[in-house]
Protein backbone atom coordinates (compact mmCIF):
# COMPACT_ATOMS: atom_id res chain seq x y z
CA MET A 1 0.00 0.23 0.07
CA ALA A 2 2.86 2.49 0.90
CA GLN A 3 4.56 1.44 -2.25
CA ARG A 4 1.49 2.40 -4.04
CA VAL A 5 0.89 5.91 -2.44
CA GLU A 6 4.97 6.44 -3.39
CA GLY A 7 4.08 6.37 -6.91
CA ARG A 8 1.41 7.83 -6.82
CA GLU A 9 3.11 11.02 -5.17
CA MET A 10 6.08 9.98 -8.31
CA TYR A 11 3.32 10.38 -10.68
CA LYS A 12 1.79 13.98 -9.78
CA ASP A 13 5.08 14.91 -9.51
CA LYS A 14 6.04 14.05 -13.05
CA VAL A 15 2.37 15.75 -13.98
CA GLN A 16 3.45 19.02 -12.10
CA LYS A 17 7.38 19.13 -13.97
CA GLY A 18 5.25 18.68 -17.43
CA ARG A 19 2.92 21.24 -16.86
CA TYR A 20 5.84 23.70 -15.72
CA PHE A 21 7.71 22.53 -18.45
CA ASN A 22 4.51 23.29 -21.03
CA ALA A 23 3.48 26.35 -19.38
CA MET A 24 7.76 28.08 -20.01
CA LEU A 25 7.40 26.75 -23.50
CA PHE A 26 4.41 28.26 -24.11
CA TYR A 27 5.98 31.55 -22.45
CA ALA A 28 8.98 31.24 -24.72
CA MET A 29 7.41 30.83 -27.95
CA LEU A 30 4.80 33.52 -26.88
CA TYR A 31 7.55 35.90 -26.26
CA ALA A 32 9.58 35.08 -29.55
CA LEU A 33 6.00 35.60 -31.28
CA CYS A 34 5.84 38.79 -29.99
CA SER A 35 9.55 39.95 -30.75
CA MET A 36 8.72 39.10 -34.27
CA LEU A 37 5.16 41.37 -34.49
CA ILE A 38 6.01 43.91 -32.49
CA CYS A 39 10.01 44.96 -32.65
CA PRO A 40 9.43 45.38 -36.55
CA MET A 41 6.58 47.72 -35.69
CA LEU A 42 8.91 49.46 -33.12
CA TYR A 43 11.45 49.96 -35.49
CA ALA A 44 8.99 51.49 -38.12
CA ASP A 45 7.63 53.44 -36.17
CA THR A 46 11.24 54.87 -35.08
CA GLN A 47 12.55 55.05 -38.44
CA SER A 48 9.53 57.36 -39.81
CA GLU A 49 9.64 59.30 -36.32
CA PHE A 50 13.59 60.14 -37.06
CA PHE A 51 12.95 61.24 -41.00
CA ARG A 52 10.30 63.20 -39.48
CA ALA A 53 12.29 64.70 -37.56
CA ASN A 54 14.67 65.16 -40.31
CA THR A 55 12.19 67.06 -42.31
CA TYR A 56 11.64 69.44 -39.43
CA TYR A 57 15.34 69.89 -39.18
CA SER A 58 15.54 70.78 -43.10
CA LYS A 59 12.54 73.30 -42.99
CA GLY A 60 14.20 74.90 -39.87
CA LYS A 61 11.73 73.80 -37.47
CA TYR A 62 14.39 72.65 -34.36
CA ASP A 63 11.83 72.59 -31.43
CA LYS A 64 10.23 69.50 -33.52
CA ALA A 65 13.22 68.30 -34.77
CA ILE A 66 14.45 68.04 -31.12
CA LYS A 67 11.32 66.20 -29.60
CA GLY A 68 11.26 63.77 -32.72
CA TYR A 69 15.08 62.92 -31.98
CA GLU A 70 14.46 62.64 -28.49
CA ALA A 71 11.19 60.38 -28.89
CA VAL A 72 13.33 58.04 -30.90
CA LEU A 73 15.69 58.13 -28.07
CA ASN A 74 12.90 57.44 -25.44
CA LEU A 75 11.69 54.39 -27.78
CA GLY A 76 15.07 52.99 -26.37
CA PHE A 77 17.31 53.37 -29.84
CA GLU A 78 20.33 55.52 -30.34
CA SER A 79 22.82 55.78 -32.60
CA GLY A 80 25.96 57.99 -33.77
CA SER A 81 23.55 59.49 -36.77
CA LEU A 82 20.74 60.79 -34.16
CA TYR A 83 22.63 62.07 -31.54
CA TYR A 84 24.85 64.03 -34.36
CA ASN A 85 21.55 65.45 -35.66
CA LEU A 86 20.09 66.24 -32.17
CA GLY A 87 23.06 68.25 -31.42
CA ASN A 88 23.08 70.28 -34.76
CA SER A 89 19.47 71.12 -33.82
CA TYR A 90 20.78 72.56 -30.52
CA PHE A 91 23.08 74.33 -31.99
CA LYS A 92 20.94 75.75 -34.71
CA LYS A 93 18.89 76.85 -31.91
CA GLY A 94 22.05 78.36 -29.81
CA GLN A 95 22.37 75.80 -26.98
CA LEU A 96 25.90 75.54 -26.91
CA GLY A 97 25.75 73.38 -24.14
CA GLU A 98 23.31 70.78 -25.37
CA ALA A 99 24.73 70.71 -28.75
CA ILE A 100 28.42 69.82 -27.28
CA LEU A 101 26.87 67.23 -25.06
CA ASN A 102 25.25 65.65 -28.10
CA TYR A 103 28.22 65.47 -29.91
CA GLU A 104 30.67 63.96 -27.36
CA LYS A 105 27.78 61.23 -27.18
CA ALA A 106 27.93 60.85 -31.26
CA MET A 107 31.87 60.69 -30.99
CA ARG A 108 31.66 57.36 -28.85
CA LEU A 109 29.67 55.86 -31.64
CA ILE A 110 31.11 57.35 -34.35
CA PRO A 111 34.39 58.66 -33.78
CA ARG A 112 35.57 58.60 -36.92
CA ASP A 113 32.76 60.86 -38.97
CA SER A 114 34.72 63.91 -40.47
CA ASP A 115 31.42 66.01 -40.57
CA LEU A 116 30.68 65.42 -36.40
CA LYS A 117 34.40 66.06 -35.79
CA SER A 118 34.11 69.48 -37.77
CA ASN A 119 31.39 70.71 -36.08
CA TYR A 120 32.40 69.38 -32.76
CA GLU A 121 35.39 71.67 -33.17
CA TYR A 122 33.33 74.49 -34.23
CA ALA A 123 31.54 74.47 -31.09
CA ARG A 124 34.15 73.47 -28.85
CA SER A 125 35.49 77.29 -30.64
CA LEU A 126 32.83 79.14 -29.69
CA ILE A 127 32.71 78.22 -25.82
CA LYS A 128 33.56 81.96 -23.80
CA GLY A 129 37.07 81.93 -22.19
CA GLY A 130 38.60 79.51 -24.43
CA ILE A 131 39.22 75.84 -23.93
CA ILE A 132 41.58 74.94 -21.38
CA LYS A 133 44.34 72.32 -22.24
CA PRO A 134 46.15 70.98 -20.08
CA LYS A 135 50.10 70.38 -20.49
CA THR A 136 50.55 66.88 -22.12
CA GLN A 137 53.11 64.85 -22.95
CA TRP A 138 54.05 64.36 -26.89
CA TYR A 139 53.43 60.70 -26.69
CA ARG A 140 50.28 61.14 -24.41
CA ILE A 141 48.73 63.39 -26.97
CA ALA A 142 49.61 60.18 -29.48
CA PHE A 143 47.99 57.93 -28.01
CA ASP A 144 44.70 59.80 -27.14
CA ARG A 145 44.74 61.14 -31.03
CA ILE A 146 45.03 57.18 -32.31
CA PHE A 147 42.70 55.52 -29.66
CA SER A 148 40.50 58.11 -29.83
CA LEU A 149 39.26 56.75 -33.67
CA PHE A 150 38.09 53.41 -31.58
CA THR A 151 35.03 52.99 -29.93
CA ILE A 152 34.51 51.04 -26.74
CA ASP A 153 32.99 47.59 -28.79
CA GLU A 154 36.00 48.64 -31.63
CA LEU A 155 38.84 48.28 -28.85
CA ALA A 156 36.73 45.03 -27.27
CA PHE A 157 36.56 43.12 -30.89
CA SER A 158 40.19 44.18 -31.41
CA LEU A 159 41.34 42.86 -27.59
CA ALA A 160 39.73 39.30 -28.82
CA VAL A 161 41.34 39.24 -32.09
CA ILE A 162 44.79 40.38 -30.46
CA PHE A 163 44.41 37.66 -27.87
CA THR A 164 43.64 35.06 -30.29
CA ILE A 165 46.40 35.98 -32.87
CA ILE A 166 48.74 35.54 -29.40
CA LEU A 167 47.08 31.50 -28.77
CA LEU A 168 48.05 31.25 -32.32
CA VAL A 169 51.79 32.26 -32.46
CA ILE A 170 52.47 30.12 -29.73
CA LEU A 171 50.93 27.41 -31.18
CA ILE A 172 52.48 27.41 -34.20
CA THR A 173 55.66 27.62 -32.61
CA VAL A 174 55.41 24.78 -30.62
CA TYR A 175 54.79 22.61 -33.66
CA ILE A 176 57.12 24.63 -36.47
CA SER A 177 60.21 24.38 -35.08
CA PRO A 178 62.00 27.00 -37.80
CA ILE A 179 59.98 29.88 -37.07
CA ARG A 180 60.50 29.36 -33.18
CA LYS A 181 63.17 32.05 -33.39
CA TYR A 182 60.47 34.48 -34.48
CA GLU A 183 58.53 33.50 -31.23
CA VAL A 184 59.83 36.08 -28.85
CA GLY A 185 60.16 38.86 -31.25
CA ALA A 186 56.63 38.86 -32.31
CA LEU A 187 54.86 37.67 -29.00
CA SER A 188 56.87 40.92 -28.11
CA VAL A 189 54.89 43.21 -30.31
CA LEU A 190 51.60 41.62 -29.75
CA ILE A 191 51.47 41.79 -26.08
CA ILE A 192 53.14 45.74 -26.25
CA ILE A 193 50.00 46.46 -28.74
CA PHE A 194 47.33 44.25 -26.57
CA VAL A 195 48.78 46.10 -23.39
CA LEU A 196 47.93 49.66 -26.02
CA PHE A 197 44.62 48.60 -26.75
CA PHE A 198 43.75 46.99 -23.01
CA THR A 199 44.86 50.48 -21.62
CA ALA A 200 42.97 52.82 -23.97
CA LEU A 201 39.86 50.47 -23.23
CA PHE A 202 39.96 50.83 -19.64
CA GLU A 203 40.21 54.39 -19.99
CA LYS A 204 36.94 54.96 -22.17
CA VAL A 205 35.26 52.58 -19.97
CA SER A 206 36.24 53.77 -16.77
CA VAL A 207 35.20 57.55 -17.31
CA VAL A 208 31.37 56.43 -19.19
CA GLY A 209 28.87 58.53 -16.15
CA LYS A 210 31.34 60.38 -15.22
CA GLU A 211 32.08 62.85 -17.87
CA ALA A 212 29.56 65.81 -18.01
CA VAL A 213 29.01 69.28 -20.25
CA ILE A 214 28.11 72.64 -18.78
CA ILE A 215 24.34 73.35 -20.35
CA ALA A 216 23.70 76.32 -18.01
CA GLU A 217 25.58 79.80 -19.70
CA LYS A 218 27.70 80.28 -16.94
CA THR A 219 28.06 78.34 -13.49
CA ASP A 220 30.54 79.19 -10.71
CA ALA A 221 32.34 76.39 -9.14
CA LYS A 222 32.43 76.69 -5.43
CA PHE A 223 35.14 75.51 -2.74
CA GLU A 224 32.28 73.75 -0.86
CA PRO A 225 28.72 72.89 -2.28
CA PHE A 226 27.06 75.29 -0.49
CA ASP A 227 25.43 78.36 -2.54
CA SER A 228 27.26 80.85 -0.09
CA ALA A 229 30.82 79.48 -0.62
CA THR A 230 33.63 81.31 -2.11
CA THR A 231 33.76 80.68 -5.54
CA HIS A 232 36.86 78.80 -7.03
CA PHE A 233 36.52 79.52 -10.48
CA THR A 234 33.81 80.08 -13.49
CA LEU A 235 32.68 77.39 -16.15
CA TYR A 236 30.57 78.52 -19.02
CA GLU A 237 28.25 76.47 -21.48
CA GLY A 238 30.25 73.91 -23.17
CA THR A 239 32.83 72.96 -21.13
CA LYS A 240 33.58 69.52 -20.57
CA ALA A 241 34.57 68.23 -16.97
CA THR A 242 35.06 65.04 -15.25
CA ILE A 243 32.45 64.05 -11.97
CA VAL A 244 34.71 63.48 -9.16
CA LEU A 245 31.64 63.13 -6.39
CA PRO A 246 28.06 63.52 -6.30
CA LYS A 247 26.66 64.88 -3.16
CA ASP A 248 22.78 65.99 -2.52
CA SER A 249 22.30 68.43 -5.54
CA TRP A 250 25.94 69.41 -6.34
CA TYR A 251 28.40 67.74 -8.02
CA LYS A 252 32.56 67.96 -7.44
CA ILE A 253 33.97 68.30 -11.10
CA GLU A 254 37.28 68.26 -12.10
CA ARG A 255 38.41 70.63 -15.10
CA SER A 256 41.05 69.02 -17.88
CA ASP A 257 43.45 71.35 -15.78
CA LYS A 258 43.21 69.46 -12.55
CA LYS A 259 41.17 72.05 -10.62
CA THR A 260 38.26 70.87 -8.64
CA GLY A 261 35.10 72.37 -7.39
CA TRP A 262 31.68 72.11 -6.29
CA VAL A 263 28.97 72.63 -9.36
CA LYS A 264 24.95 73.14 -8.94
CA ALA A 265 23.95 69.44 -10.63
CA SER A 266 21.34 71.26 -12.25
CA ASP A 267 23.92 73.35 -14.27
CA LEU A 268 25.73 70.21 -16.30
CA GLU A 269 24.64 66.79 -17.63
CA VAL A 270 26.47 63.57 -17.36
CA PHE A 271 26.88 61.47 -20.13
């Protein structure tokens, strides 16, 4: 009798597992079906909204163009061209800070676009007080100039390729003795390249969410996060800074010359 009860319980357990599996399969199929139907519709809506915003831009209706581009962003889509067009719209409206902010976002996605670089540099030349350029060694300038041409995804992919080549070189030299004498030289070059790409990737990733652009016409950087605190220096619209520490409605920021100060959060936008 006990054996029959145990068998009945095992049967119930199998039935429950079968129902659970069928439910999971049903929801997986439903999700796949919804993705096949909804995603193309969302993509079509995004495309039409993007082209509509482009039309508004070409007609000089920059407010409507901005709303259109931001509507596309709110749908969860982004691209270098989208941020570039949004930056152009803000620039036409005379909002230099917002323009540079969106150019910066575009630079992360399409860093080799010549039109973007030209507009970005021209917009930066309009910043009041000029651009503060810190004294930097020539090799650091060369490093930044070269690796600014790569996106984060491209650097990550390049690292994977270089690492694979290093493994292949090691394997080949194990089985082909005549080229073993080139192993040290080849590996040394590849490791140096790998380290350079890794450093560039680390630096780009480490500043994500820590860079900001001043969007107010001007703002005073204080010694302390209080309105009554003494002003250390003044930042103008479009100036880029690095976030050091957030506190309530203030950000401690670092200028390119390493000077730090507290700025109201409403006067800048982090990207």
